[in-house]
Amino acid sequence: MIKVIGENIANMPWEEKPQGKLLNSPAWRYSKNPVIGRNPIPNVTRIFNSAVATWKDGGFVGVFRAETCNGIPYLYYGFSKDALNWTFSDSAIKITDENGNDVSPSYAYDPRLIKIEDTYHIVWCTNFHGASIGIATTKDFKTFTSKGNGFLPFNRNGVLFPRKVNGNYLMLTRPSDSGHTPFGDIFLSESNDLLHWGNHKWVMGKSGEWWQSVKIGAGCAPIETEEGWLLFYHGVTGTCSGFVYSMGAALLDRDDPSKVIHRCGNFILTPEEEYEERGFVPSVVFPCAALVDASTNRIAIYYGAADTNTALCFTTVDDVISFIKEHDIIK
C-alpha cells in the first residue's frame, strides 16, 4: 500500500466495492445515499456541501451548510457515533472575535473542517462585503473564534492543509467574482498566524476535458501520502441546461504543493443518480470532506448532491492514485 500520513479510523463508514457492476472510475457510491436528505431538522430545508472530521472517543463531528426556511445559509455543527447518523445543533454557530464580541456573518456556506494538532479550523464562504473566505477555530465546539478577514472579496473554496508545511499554514482558494463565476483557478496562499496571508501561487486551472472546462475549486482537505498530497476537487462544465459539477483528483508535491505532479483527465465522480441530478441546483457533485484510515488506505468522501443532499462515496488511496497516473494530463 501507498503510505498515508494520518490517523487510523477503524470505525469510519465503509462499503466494499460492488461486484459485477461496471465502474468507470475508482470510486463507488454508498448504497444508502443520501446520508442527509431534505428537511433534516426544524427550520432547515437542506444540508449539503458540508464537512466531517474525527472527534473524541471514536466519534465524529461535522460543520454543515444548513439552508434555513428563509433561504439564507448558515453553519450548524453536529455529532455522530458512526459518521452517518447525526445530531445537529439547534441553531447556527455563533462566531466571536478574540474579545468575545459577536462577529457571526450574515450568511455562511460550503464549510471545510480541518483538524490541525488539537484545534479544529472551520473555513467557509462568508460575507465580507461580498463572498470571501471566513476562518474560525474551536477546540470544544462551544466557542468559535474568528481569525479575521485574511482575504479580499471575491473568493471561495478555501481549503486548509492538515498540517503546516515549511513552518506555515497553507490554504487553497479560488478567486472569483460576485456572481455564479464562469471562471476560476486554484491558488495557494500561506500564513504564519491564520490572519495574514501571502506568497500566493497559482496551482492549476481549467483544462480541455469537458467536465472541468469552465472552472475548478478545491474540495476536501488534501490527504498526505508518501507520493504527495492527494487532492479531490470539483470541476465544472457549461451545458445548454446550465453548469454541471463533477469530482476530480490530482497529486501535489509534498514540499511545494503549488506544484502539480499528476492530474487526472477523467472525472472521479459525475452526476448520475437521481439525488445528484435532481434538486435545488441540478447536476452537482461537490466534494467537501474525506475521512481516511491510514491503516487500510480506505477513503470515505462526503459530497453535496444537487445542492440538496449530503452523499457519500468510497475509494482507496492506492486505487485513486493509480487512476490519476493512468489518466494523467500533466505533460
C-alpha atoms as a PDB file:
ATOM      1  CA  MET A   1       0.000   0.000   0.000  1.00  0.00           C
ATOM      2  CA  ILE A   2       0.979   3.616  -0.540  1.00  0.00           C
ATOM      3  CA  LYS A   3       1.801   5.015   2.889  1.00  0.00           C
ATOM      4  CA  VAL A   4      -0.668   7.574   4.247  1.00  0.00           C
ATOM      5  CA  ILE A   5       0.467  10.114   6.831  1.00  0.00           C
ATOM      6  CA  GLY A   6      -2.580  10.389   9.051  1.00  0.00           C
ATOM      7  CA  GLU A   7      -4.706   8.755  11.719  1.00  0.00           C
ATOM      8  CA  ASN A   8      -6.265   5.320  11.963  1.00  0.00           C
ATOM      9  CA  ILE A   9     -10.080   5.439  11.854  1.00  0.00           C
ATOM     10  CA  ALA A  10     -11.274   1.913  12.464  1.00  0.00           C
ATOM     11  CA  ASN A  11     -14.979   2.802  12.638  1.00  0.00           C
ATOM     12  CA  MET A  12     -15.248   5.127   9.646  1.00  0.00           C
ATOM     13  CA  PRO A  13     -18.096   4.449   7.173  1.00  0.00           C
ATOM     14  CA  TRP A  14     -17.231   1.849   4.574  1.00  0.00           C
ATOM     15  CA  GLU A  15     -18.759  -0.413   1.950  1.00  0.00           C
ATOM     16  CA  GLU A  16     -16.817  -2.800  -0.218  1.00  0.00           C
ATOM     17  CA  LYS A  17     -16.644  -2.153  -3.947  1.00  0.00           C
ATOM     18  CA  PRO A  18     -19.755  -3.639  -5.618  1.00  0.00           C
ATOM     19  CA  GLN A  19     -19.047  -6.761  -7.598  1.00  0.00           C
ATOM     20  CA  GLY A  20     -20.296  -7.291 -11.131  1.00  0.00           C
ATOM     21  CA  LYS A  21     -21.084  -3.605 -11.676  1.00  0.00           C
ATOM     22  CA  LEU A  22     -19.301  -1.555 -14.318  1.00  0.00           C
ATOM     23  CA  LEU A  23     -17.298   1.243 -12.699  1.00  0.00           C
ATOM     24  CA  ASN A  24     -15.586   3.786 -14.933  1.00  0.00           C
ATOM     25  CA  SER A  25     -13.688   5.296 -12.005  1.00  0.00           C
ATOM     26  CA  PRO A  26     -12.059   4.156  -8.762  1.00  0.00           C
ATOM     27  CA  ALA A  27     -14.959   5.500  -6.634  1.00  0.00           C
ATOM     28  CA  TRP A  28     -18.295   3.903  -5.788  1.00  0.00           C
ATOM     29  CA  ARG A  29     -21.371   5.363  -4.103  1.00  0.00           C
ATOM     30  CA  TYR A  30     -22.795   4.433  -0.709  1.00  0.00           C
ATOM     31  CA  SER A  31     -25.770   2.165  -1.337  1.00  0.00           C
ATOM     32  CA  LYS A  32     -27.928   4.070   1.183  1.00  0.00           C
ATOM     33  CA  ASN A  33     -27.326   7.578  -0.205  1.00  0.00           C
ATOM     34  CA  PRO A  34     -28.196  10.245   0.573  1.00  0.00           C
ATOM     35  CA  VAL A  35     -26.971  10.177   4.170  1.00  0.00           C
ATOM     36  CA  ILE A  36     -28.686  13.517   4.891  1.00  0.00           C
ATOM     37  CA  GLY A  37     -31.850  14.324   2.945  1.00  0.00           C
ATOM     38  CA  ARG A  38     -34.401  17.116   2.820  1.00  0.00           C
ATOM     39  CA  ASN A  39     -35.849  18.782   5.938  1.00  0.00           C
ATOM     40  CA  PRO A  40     -33.432  17.134   8.396  1.00  0.00           C
ATOM     41  CA  ILE A  41     -34.272  19.397  11.374  1.00  0.00           C
ATOM     42  CA  PRO A  42     -36.732  22.209  12.172  1.00  0.00           C
ATOM     43  CA  ASN A  43     -36.280  25.400  10.102  1.00  0.00           C
ATOM     44  CA  VAL A  44     -33.657  23.742   7.871  1.00  0.00           C
ATOM     45  CA  THR A  45     -34.738  22.572   4.428  1.00  0.00           C
ATOM     46  CA  ARG A  46     -31.474  21.175   3.104  1.00  0.00           C
ATOM     47  CA  ILE A  47     -27.995  20.231   4.374  1.00  0.00           C
ATOM     48  CA  PHE A  48     -25.247  19.803   1.766  1.00  0.00           C
ATOM     49  CA  ASN A  49     -21.664  20.845   0.903  1.00  0.00           C
ATOM     50  CA  SER A  50     -20.606  20.038   4.456  1.00  0.00           C
ATOM     51  CA  ALA A  51     -17.510  18.798   6.278  1.00  0.00           C
ATOM     52  CA  VAL A  52     -16.755  15.966   8.708  1.00  0.00           C
ATOM     53  CA  ALA A  53     -13.796  15.131  10.984  1.00  0.00           C
ATOM     54  CA  THR A  54     -12.948  12.731  13.801  1.00  0.00           C
ATOM     55  CA  TRP A  55     -13.936  13.583  17.381  1.00  0.00           C
ATOM     56  CA  LYS A  56     -13.445  12.186  20.867  1.00  0.00           C
ATOM     57  CA  ASP A  57     -13.888   8.545  21.857  1.00  0.00           C
ATOM     58  CA  GLY A  58     -14.033   7.313  18.276  1.00  0.00           C
ATOM     59  CA  GLY A  59     -16.864   9.629  17.314  1.00  0.00           C
ATOM     60  CA  PHE A  60     -17.224  12.237  14.599  1.00  0.00           C
ATOM     61  CA  VAL A  61     -18.003  15.937  14.381  1.00  0.00           C
ATOM     62  CA  GLY A  62     -19.253  17.950  11.440  1.00  0.00           C
ATOM     63  CA  VAL A  63     -19.882  21.511  10.298  1.00  0.00           C
ATOM     64  CA  PHE A  64     -22.825  21.725   7.948  1.00  0.00           C
ATOM     65  CA  ARG A  65     -24.199  24.107   5.370  1.00  0.00           C
ATOM     66  CA  ALA A  66     -27.788  24.465   6.540  1.00  0.00           C
ATOM     67  CA  GLU A  67     -30.245  26.205   4.230  1.00  0.00           C
ATOM     68  CA  THR A  68     -32.866  27.708   6.514  1.00  0.00           C
ATOM     69  CA  CYS A  69     -36.513  28.274   5.632  1.00  0.00           C
ATOM     70  CA  ASN A  70     -35.899  31.934   4.771  1.00  0.00           C
ATOM     71  CA  GLY A  71     -33.430  30.784   2.104  1.00  0.00           C
ATOM     72  CA  ILE A  72     -30.310  32.046   3.888  1.00  0.00           C
ATOM     73  CA  PRO A  73     -27.499  29.526   4.576  1.00  0.00           C
ATOM     74  CA  TYR A  74     -25.800  29.290   7.960  1.00  0.00           C
ATOM     75  CA  LEU A  75     -23.307  26.938   9.590  1.00  0.00           C
ATOM     76  CA  TYR A  76     -24.582  24.347  12.057  1.00  0.00           C
ATOM     77  CA  TYR A  77     -22.490  21.727  13.846  1.00  0.00           C
ATOM     78  CA  GLY A  78     -23.290  18.118  14.687  1.00  0.00           C
ATOM     79  CA  PHE A  79     -22.001  14.942  16.313  1.00  0.00           C
ATOM     80  CA  SER A  80     -22.230  11.295  15.323  1.00  0.00           C
ATOM     81  CA  LYS A  81     -21.019   7.909  16.526  1.00  0.00           C
ATOM     82  CA  ASP A  82     -20.832   6.397  13.040  1.00  0.00           C
ATOM     83  CA  ALA A  83     -20.478   9.481  10.744  1.00  0.00           C
ATOM     84  CA  LEU A  84     -23.802   8.522   9.151  1.00  0.00           C
ATOM     85  CA  ASN A  85     -26.491   9.361  11.700  1.00  0.00           C
ATOM     86  CA  TRP A  86     -26.188  12.900  13.040  1.00  0.00           C
ATOM     87  CA  THR A  87     -27.448  15.002  15.925  1.00  0.00           C
ATOM     88  CA  PHE A  88     -27.361  18.656  14.842  1.00  0.00           C
ATOM     89  CA  SER A  89     -27.150  21.858  16.822  1.00  0.00           C
ATOM     90  CA  ASP A  90     -30.420  23.699  17.452  1.00  0.00           C
ATOM     91  CA  SER A  91     -29.169  26.929  15.886  1.00  0.00           C
ATOM     92  CA  ALA A  92     -26.395  28.412  13.771  1.00  0.00           C
ATOM     93  CA  ILE A  93     -22.825  28.584  15.038  1.00  0.00           C
ATOM     94  CA  LYS A  94     -22.095  31.850  16.840  1.00  0.00           C
ATOM     95  CA  ILE A  95     -18.663  33.243  15.982  1.00  0.00           C
ATOM     96  CA  THR A  96     -16.887  35.776  18.190  1.00  0.00           C
ATOM     97  CA  ASP A  97     -13.695  37.794  17.949  1.00  0.00           C
ATOM     98  CA  GLU A  98     -10.760  37.483  20.364  1.00  0.00           C
ATOM     99  CA  ASN A  99     -12.620  39.674  22.877  1.00  0.00           C
ATOM    100  CA  GLY A 100     -15.824  37.674  22.794  1.00  0.00           C
ATOM    101  CA  ASN A 101     -17.797  40.081  20.588  1.00  0.00           C
ATOM    102  CA  ASP A 102     -20.276  38.502  18.209  1.00  0.00           C
ATOM    103  CA  VAL A 103     -18.984  38.667  14.615  1.00  0.00           C
ATOM    104  CA  SER A 104     -21.234  35.996  13.122  1.00  0.00           C
ATOM    105  CA  PRO A 105     -21.675  36.502   9.358  1.00  0.00           C
ATOM    106  CA  SER A 106     -24.989  37.390   7.732  1.00  0.00           C
ATOM    107  CA  TYR A 107     -24.638  34.221   5.661  1.00  0.00           C
ATOM    108  CA  ALA A 108     -22.197  31.291   5.591  1.00  0.00           C
ATOM    109  CA  TYR A 109     -21.866  28.306   3.304  1.00  0.00           C
ATOM    110  CA  ASP A 110     -19.686  25.475   1.934  1.00  0.00           C
ATOM    111  CA  PRO A 111     -17.601  24.872   5.089  1.00  0.00           C
ATOM    112  CA  ARG A 112     -14.473  22.783   5.389  1.00  0.00           C
ATOM    113  CA  LEU A 113     -13.425  21.358   8.751  1.00  0.00           C
ATOM    114  CA  ILE A 114      -9.722  20.632   9.276  1.00  0.00           C
ATOM    115  CA  LYS A 115      -8.106  19.450  12.497  1.00  0.00           C
ATOM    116  CA  ILE A 116      -4.530  20.661  12.977  1.00  0.00           C
ATOM    117  CA  GLU A 117      -2.963  19.243  16.144  1.00  0.00           C
ATOM    118  CA  ASP A 118      -5.571  19.848  18.886  1.00  0.00           C
ATOM    119  CA  THR A 119      -7.532  22.621  17.157  1.00  0.00           C
ATOM    120  CA  TYR A 120     -10.395  22.440  14.669  1.00  0.00           C
ATOM    121  CA  HIS A 121     -10.342  25.007  11.881  1.00  0.00           C
ATOM    122  CA  ILE A 122     -13.525  25.960  10.049  1.00  0.00           C
ATOM    123  CA  VAL A 123     -13.102  27.609   6.648  1.00  0.00           C
ATOM    124  CA  TRP A 124     -16.184  28.780   4.780  1.00  0.00           C
ATOM    125  CA  CYS A 125     -17.558  31.256   2.266  1.00  0.00           C
ATOM    126  CA  THR A 126     -18.513  34.311   4.309  1.00  0.00           C
ATOM    127  CA  ASN A 127     -19.958  37.760   3.703  1.00  0.00           C
ATOM    128  CA  PHE A 128     -17.188  40.380   3.751  1.00  0.00           C
ATOM    129  CA  HIS A 129     -18.831  42.999   1.514  1.00  0.00           C
ATOM    130  CA  GLY A 130     -19.108  40.157  -0.961  1.00  0.00           C
ATOM    131  CA  ALA A 131     -18.207  36.494  -0.910  1.00  0.00           C
ATOM    132  CA  SER A 132     -14.848  35.838   0.727  1.00  0.00           C
ATOM    133  CA  ILE A 133     -13.024  33.362   2.983  1.00  0.00           C
ATOM    134  CA  GLY A 134     -14.021  33.075   6.646  1.00  0.00           C
ATOM    135  CA  ILE A 135     -11.800  31.290   9.177  1.00  0.00           C
ATOM    136  CA  ALA A 136     -12.620  30.354  12.776  1.00  0.00           C
ATOM    137  CA  THR A 137     -11.128  27.955  15.304  1.00  0.00           C
ATOM    138  CA  THR A 138     -12.526  25.861  18.142  1.00  0.00           C
ATOM    139  CA  LYS A 139     -11.401  23.110  20.471  1.00  0.00           C
ATOM    140  CA  ASP A 140     -14.704  22.271  22.135  1.00  0.00           C
ATOM    141  CA  PHE A 141     -17.442  23.204  19.623  1.00  0.00           C
ATOM    142  CA  LYS A 142     -18.849  25.554  22.234  1.00  0.00           C
ATOM    143  CA  THR A 143     -16.860  28.693  21.427  1.00  0.00           C
ATOM    144  CA  PHE A 144     -15.764  29.619  17.898  1.00  0.00           C
ATOM    145  CA  THR A 145     -13.162  32.344  17.444  1.00  0.00           C
ATOM    146  CA  SER A 146     -12.779  34.291  14.214  1.00  0.00           C
ATOM    147  CA  LYS A 147      -9.352  34.704  12.637  1.00  0.00           C
ATOM    148  CA  GLY A 148     -10.371  37.919  10.887  1.00  0.00           C
ATOM    149  CA  ASN A 149     -10.612  38.608   7.165  1.00  0.00           C
ATOM    150  CA  GLY A 150      -7.446  37.309   5.582  1.00  0.00           C
ATOM    151  CA  PHE A 151      -8.715  37.530   2.004  1.00  0.00           C
ATOM    152  CA  LEU A 152     -10.398  40.266   0.000  1.00  0.00           C
ATOM    153  CA  PRO A 153     -13.627  39.562  -1.853  1.00  0.00           C
ATOM    154  CA  PHE A 154     -14.303  37.829  -4.079  1.00  0.00           C
ATOM    155  CA  ASN A 155     -13.039  34.385  -3.117  1.00  0.00           C
ATOM    156  CA  ARG A 156     -14.440  30.928  -2.408  1.00  0.00           C
ATOM    157  CA  ASN A 157     -13.488  27.300  -1.794  1.00  0.00           C
ATOM    158  CA  GLY A 158     -10.929  27.892   0.952  1.00  0.00           C
ATOM    159  CA  VAL A 159      -9.292  24.604   1.987  1.00  0.00           C
ATOM    160  CA  LEU A 160      -6.579  24.344   4.663  1.00  0.00           C
ATOM    161  CA  PHE A 161      -3.865  21.716   4.625  1.00  0.00           C
ATOM    162  CA  PRO A 162      -3.988  19.423   7.697  1.00  0.00           C
ATOM    163  CA  ARG A 163      -0.514  20.433   8.861  1.00  0.00           C
ATOM    164  CA  LYS A 164       1.967  23.249   8.435  1.00  0.00           C
ATOM    165  CA  VAL A 165       4.422  22.979   5.532  1.00  0.00           C
ATOM    166  CA  ASN A 166       7.827  24.607   5.971  1.00  0.00           C
ATOM    167  CA  GLY A 167       6.539  26.235   9.148  1.00  0.00           C
ATOM    168  CA  ASN A 168       3.463  27.912   7.637  1.00  0.00           C
ATOM    169  CA  TYR A 169      -0.221  27.193   7.278  1.00  0.00           C
ATOM    170  CA  LEU A 170      -1.229  26.587   3.671  1.00  0.00           C
ATOM    171  CA  MET A 171      -4.606  27.210   2.066  1.00  0.00           C
ATOM    172  CA  LEU A 172      -6.049  26.598  -1.368  1.00  0.00           C
ATOM    173  CA  THR A 173      -8.590  29.159  -2.607  1.00  0.00           C
ATOM    174  CA  ARG A 174     -10.480  30.012  -5.788  1.00  0.00           C
ATOM    175  CA  PRO A 175     -10.561  33.781  -6.513  1.00  0.00           C
ATOM    176  CA  SER A 176     -13.728  34.690  -8.353  1.00  0.00           C
ATOM    177  CA  ASP A 177     -16.294  37.438  -8.878  1.00  0.00           C
ATOM    178  CA  SER A 178     -19.559  38.346  -7.188  1.00  0.00           C
ATOM    179  CA  GLY A 179     -21.876  36.055  -9.151  1.00  0.00           C
ATOM    180  CA  HIS A 180     -22.051  32.485 -10.397  1.00  0.00           C
ATOM    181  CA  THR A 181     -18.481  32.728 -11.597  1.00  0.00           C
ATOM    182  CA  PRO A 182     -17.899  31.494 -15.178  1.00  0.00           C
ATOM    183  CA  PHE A 183     -14.170  31.145 -14.446  1.00  0.00           C
ATOM    184  CA  GLY A 184     -11.820  30.138 -11.641  1.00  0.00           C
ATOM    185  CA  ASP A 185      -8.406  28.610 -10.937  1.00  0.00           C
ATOM    186  CA  ILE A 186      -6.938  27.156  -7.733  1.00  0.00           C
ATOM    187  CA  PHE A 187      -4.306  29.231  -5.924  1.00  0.00           C
ATOM    188  CA  LEU A 188      -2.110  28.505  -2.892  1.00  0.00           C
ATOM    189  CA  SER A 189      -1.501  31.007  -0.074  1.00  0.00           C
ATOM    190  CA  GLU A 190       0.488  30.760   3.149  1.00  0.00           C
ATOM    191  CA  SER A 191       0.369  32.290   6.624  1.00  0.00           C
ATOM    192  CA  ASN A 192       2.189  32.004   9.939  1.00  0.00           C
ATOM    193  CA  ASP A 193      -0.804  33.095  12.045  1.00  0.00           C
ATOM    194  CA  LEU A 194      -4.011  32.285  10.061  1.00  0.00           C
ATOM    195  CA  LEU A 195      -4.621  36.042   9.891  1.00  0.00           C
ATOM    196  CA  HIS A 196      -2.147  37.417   7.347  1.00  0.00           C
ATOM    197  CA  TRP A 197      -1.944  35.562   4.039  1.00  0.00           C
ATOM    198  CA  GLY A 198       0.529  35.997   1.203  1.00  0.00           C
ATOM    199  CA  ASN A 199       3.120  34.447  -1.110  1.00  0.00           C
ATOM    200  CA  HIS A 200       0.242  33.481  -3.402  1.00  0.00           C
ATOM    201  CA  LYS A 201       0.973  30.904  -6.085  1.00  0.00           C
ATOM    202  CA  TRP A 202      -1.073  29.582  -8.987  1.00  0.00           C
ATOM    203  CA  VAL A 203      -1.641  25.817  -8.708  1.00  0.00           C
ATOM    204  CA  MET A 204      -3.836  24.804 -11.637  1.00  0.00           C
ATOM    205  CA  GLY A 205      -6.726  25.962 -13.779  1.00  0.00           C
ATOM    206  CA  LYS A 206      -9.444  24.603 -16.015  1.00  0.00           C
ATOM    207  CA  SER A 207      -8.442  22.224 -18.799  1.00  0.00           C
ATOM    208  CA  GLY A 208      -9.657  20.890 -22.118  1.00  0.00           C
ATOM    209  CA  GLU A 209     -11.633  17.953 -20.723  1.00  0.00           C
ATOM    210  CA  TRP A 210     -15.338  18.872 -20.874  1.00  0.00           C
ATOM    211  CA  TRP A 211     -16.054  18.170 -17.211  1.00  0.00           C
ATOM    212  CA  GLN A 212     -13.517  20.774 -15.986  1.00  0.00           C
ATOM    213  CA  SER A 213     -13.532  23.204 -18.900  1.00  0.00           C
ATOM    214  CA  VAL A 214     -15.198  26.202 -17.154  1.00  0.00           C
ATOM    215  CA  LYS A 215     -13.705  26.396 -13.637  1.00  0.00           C
ATOM    216  CA  ILE A 216     -12.341  24.303 -10.793  1.00  0.00           C
ATOM    217  CA  GLY A 217     -12.144  24.570  -6.991  1.00  0.00           C
ATOM    218  CA  ALA A 218     -10.502  22.674  -4.151  1.00  0.00           C
ATOM    219  CA  GLY A 219     -12.735  20.208  -2.309  1.00  0.00           C
ATOM    220  CA  CYS A 220     -11.551  18.052   0.589  1.00  0.00           C
ATOM    221  CA  ALA A 221      -8.540  18.880   2.736  1.00  0.00           C
ATOM    222  CA  PRO A 222      -5.500  17.401   0.946  1.00  0.00           C
ATOM    223  CA  ILE A 223      -4.534  13.895   2.056  1.00  0.00           C
ATOM    224  CA  GLU A 224      -0.837  13.437   2.754  1.00  0.00           C
ATOM    225  CA  THR A 225       0.753  10.325   1.238  1.00  0.00           C
ATOM    226  CA  GLU A 226       4.331   9.296   0.591  1.00  0.00           C
ATOM    227  CA  GLU A 227       3.766  10.132  -3.089  1.00  0.00           C
ATOM    228  CA  GLY A 228       2.353  13.623  -2.498  1.00  0.00           C
ATOM    229  CA  TRP A 229      -0.771  15.469  -1.384  1.00  0.00           C
ATOM    230  CA  LEU A 230      -3.879  13.803  -2.786  1.00  0.00           C
ATOM    231  CA  LEU A 231      -6.418  16.489  -3.664  1.00  0.00           C
ATOM    232  CA  PHE A 232     -10.057  15.930  -4.542  1.00  0.00           C
ATOM    233  CA  TYR A 233     -11.568  18.943  -6.270  1.00  0.00           C
ATOM    234  CA  HIS A 234     -14.627  19.919  -8.299  1.00  0.00           C
ATOM    235  CA  GLY A 235     -14.597  20.692 -11.993  1.00  0.00           C
ATOM    236  CA  VAL A 236     -17.362  22.479 -13.865  1.00  0.00           C
ATOM    237  CA  THR A 237     -18.599  22.370 -17.430  1.00  0.00           C
ATOM    238  CA  GLY A 238     -21.217  24.524 -19.144  1.00  0.00           C
ATOM    239  CA  THR A 239     -24.150  22.956 -20.956  1.00  0.00           C
ATOM    240  CA  CYS A 240     -27.339  24.253 -22.584  1.00  0.00           C
ATOM    241  CA  SER A 241     -29.061  23.402 -19.279  1.00  0.00           C
ATOM    242  CA  GLY A 242     -26.506  25.120 -17.043  1.00  0.00           C
ATOM    243  CA  PHE A 243     -23.384  24.131 -15.125  1.00  0.00           C
ATOM    244  CA  VAL A 244     -22.521  20.511 -14.278  1.00  0.00           C
ATOM    245  CA  TYR A 245     -20.220  19.861 -11.301  1.00  0.00           C
ATOM    246  CA  SER A 246     -18.048  16.719 -11.157  1.00  0.00           C
ATOM    247  CA  MET A 247     -15.311  15.453  -8.851  1.00  0.00           C
ATOM    248  CA  GLY A 248     -11.683  15.257  -9.974  1.00  0.00           C
ATOM    249  CA  ALA A 249      -8.368  14.368  -8.355  1.00  0.00           C
ATOM    250  CA  ALA A 250      -4.735  15.426  -8.529  1.00  0.00           C
ATOM    251  CA  LEU A 251      -1.444  14.814  -6.724  1.00  0.00           C
ATOM    252  CA  LEU A 252       0.569  17.784  -5.399  1.00  0.00           C
ATOM    253  CA  ASP A 253       4.227  17.904  -4.351  1.00  0.00           C
ATOM    254  CA  ARG A 254       4.671  17.274  -0.600  1.00  0.00           C
ATOM    255  CA  ASP A 255       7.261  20.015  -0.070  1.00  0.00           C
ATOM    256  CA  ASP A 256       5.818  22.568  -2.507  1.00  0.00           C
ATOM    257  CA  PRO A 257       2.094  21.893  -3.039  1.00  0.00           C
ATOM    258  CA  SER A 258       1.880  24.620  -5.681  1.00  0.00           C
ATOM    259  CA  LYS A 259       3.478  22.045  -7.998  1.00  0.00           C
ATOM    260  CA  VAL A 260       1.074  19.541  -9.569  1.00  0.00           C
ATOM    261  CA  ILE A 261       2.784  16.170 -10.040  1.00  0.00           C
ATOM    262  CA  HIS A 262      -0.132  14.293 -11.609  1.00  0.00           C
ATOM    263  CA  ARG A 263      -3.644  15.364 -12.592  1.00  0.00           C
ATOM    264  CA  CYS A 264      -6.411  13.078 -13.728  1.00  0.00           C
ATOM    265  CA  GLY A 265      -8.013  13.832 -17.078  1.00  0.00           C
ATOM    266  CA  ASN A 266     -11.076  11.722 -16.219  1.00  0.00           C
ATOM    267  CA  PHE A 267     -13.571  12.620 -13.532  1.00  0.00           C
ATOM    268  CA  ILE A 268     -13.747  10.549 -10.348  1.00  0.00           C
ATOM    269  CA  LEU A 269     -17.494  11.044  -9.937  1.00  0.00           C
ATOM    270  CA  THR A 270     -20.070  12.858 -12.082  1.00  0.00           C
ATOM    271  CA  PRO A 271     -23.835  13.328 -11.558  1.00  0.00           C
ATOM    272  CA  GLU A 272     -25.643  10.124 -12.458  1.00  0.00           C
ATOM    273  CA  GLU A 273     -28.037   9.260  -9.640  1.00  0.00           C
ATOM    274  CA  GLU A 274     -31.385  10.997  -9.159  1.00  0.00           C
ATOM    275  CA  TYR A 275     -30.274  12.668  -5.904  1.00  0.00           C
ATOM    276  CA  GLU A 276     -27.316  14.195  -7.829  1.00  0.00           C
ATOM    277  CA  GLU A 277     -29.184  15.157 -10.989  1.00  0.00           C
ATOM    278  CA  ARG A 278     -32.413  16.419  -9.455  1.00  0.00           C
ATOM    279  CA  GLY A 279     -32.618  19.051  -6.731  1.00  0.00           C
ATOM    280  CA  PHE A 280     -32.358  22.724  -5.885  1.00  0.00           C
ATOM    281  CA  VAL A 281     -29.410  23.023  -8.290  1.00  0.00           C
ATOM    282  CA  PRO A 282     -29.432  20.055 -10.691  1.00  0.00           C
ATOM    283  CA  SER A 283     -26.364  18.042 -11.706  1.00  0.00           C
ATOM    284  CA  VAL A 284     -23.946  18.771  -8.873  1.00  0.00           C
ATOM    285  CA  VAL A 285     -21.316  16.572  -7.214  1.00  0.00           C
ATOM    286  CA  PHE A 286     -19.395  18.824  -4.806  1.00  0.00           C
ATOM    287  CA  PRO A 287     -16.744  17.172  -2.530  1.00  0.00           C
ATOM    288  CA  CYS A 288     -16.070  18.876   0.815  1.00  0.00           C
ATOM    289  CA  ALA A 289     -14.555  16.309   3.204  1.00  0.00           C
ATOM    290  CA  ALA A 290     -12.803  12.960   3.336  1.00  0.00           C
ATOM    291  CA  LEU A 291     -12.159  10.515   6.159  1.00  0.00           C
ATOM    292  CA  VAL A 292      -9.023   8.427   5.594  1.00  0.00           C
ATOM    293  CA  ASP A 293      -7.948   5.368   7.549  1.00  0.00           C
ATOM    294  CA  ALA A 294      -4.149   5.234   7.373  1.00  0.00           C
ATOM    295  CA  SER A 295      -4.066   1.559   8.346  1.00  0.00           C
ATOM    296  CA  THR A 296      -6.165   0.397   5.357  1.00  0.00           C
ATOM    297  CA  ASN A 297      -5.913   3.373   2.923  1.00  0.00           C
ATOM    298  CA  ARG A 298      -9.705   3.498   2.781  1.00  0.00           C
ATOM    299  CA  ILE A 299     -11.298   6.862   1.924  1.00  0.00           C
ATOM    300  CA  ALA A 300     -14.873   7.967   2.586  1.00  0.00           C
ATOM    301  CA  ILE A 301     -15.713  11.177   0.686  1.00  0.00           C
ATOM    302  CA  TYR A 302     -18.623  13.420   1.670  1.00  0.00           C
ATOM    303  CA  TYR A 303     -20.103  15.453  -1.149  1.00  0.00           C
ATOM    304  CA  GLY A 304     -23.024  17.749  -1.769  1.00  0.00           C
ATOM    305  CA  ALA A 305     -25.544  16.384  -4.274  1.00  0.00           C
ATOM    306  CA  ALA A 306     -27.647  18.797  -6.347  1.00  0.00           C
ATOM    307  CA  ASP A 307     -27.337  21.455  -3.601  1.00  0.00           C
ATOM    308  CA  THR A 308     -29.964  19.404  -1.760  1.00  0.00           C
ATOM    309  CA  ASN A 309     -28.477  16.304  -0.107  1.00  0.00           C
ATOM    310  CA  THR A 310     -25.315  15.094   1.575  1.00  0.00           C
ATOM    311  CA  ALA A 311     -23.995  11.916  -0.031  1.00  0.00           C
ATOM    312  CA  LEU A 312     -21.063   9.578   0.425  1.00  0.00           C
ATOM    313  CA  CYS A 313     -18.733   7.617  -1.838  1.00  0.00           C
ATOM    314  CA  PHE A 314     -15.724   5.383  -1.267  1.00  0.00           C
ATOM    315  CA  THR A 315     -12.338   4.624  -2.751  1.00  0.00           C
ATOM    316  CA  THR A 316      -8.803   3.787  -1.606  1.00  0.00           C
ATOM    317  CA  VAL A 317      -5.599   5.793  -1.783  1.00  0.00           C
ATOM    318  CA  ASP A 318      -3.959   3.152  -3.967  1.00  0.00           C
ATOM    319  CA  ASP A 319      -6.876   2.890  -6.401  1.00  0.00           C
ATOM    320  CA  VAL A 320      -7.307   6.615  -6.901  1.00  0.00           C
ATOM    321  CA  ILE A 321      -3.600   7.418  -7.274  1.00  0.00           C
ATOM    322  CA  SER A 322      -3.225   4.595  -9.799  1.00  0.00           C
ATOM    323  CA  PHE A 323      -6.234   6.000 -11.683  1.00  0.00           C
ATOM    324  CA  ILE A 324      -4.752   9.505 -11.655  1.00  0.00           C
ATOM    325  CA  LYS A 325      -1.485   8.237 -13.121  1.00  0.00           C
ATOM    326  CA  GLU A 326      -3.276   6.128 -15.721  1.00  0.00           C
ATOM    327  CA  HIS A 327      -5.175   9.185 -16.989  1.00  0.00           C
ATOM    328  CA  ASP A 328      -2.523  11.814 -16.253  1.00  0.00           C
ATOM    329  CA  ILE A 329      -2.706  15.043 -18.274  1.00  0.00           C
ATOM    330  CA  ILE A 330       0.448  16.656 -16.866  1.00  0.00           C
ATOM    331  CA  LYS A 331       2.945  16.949 -19.710  1.00  0.00           C
END
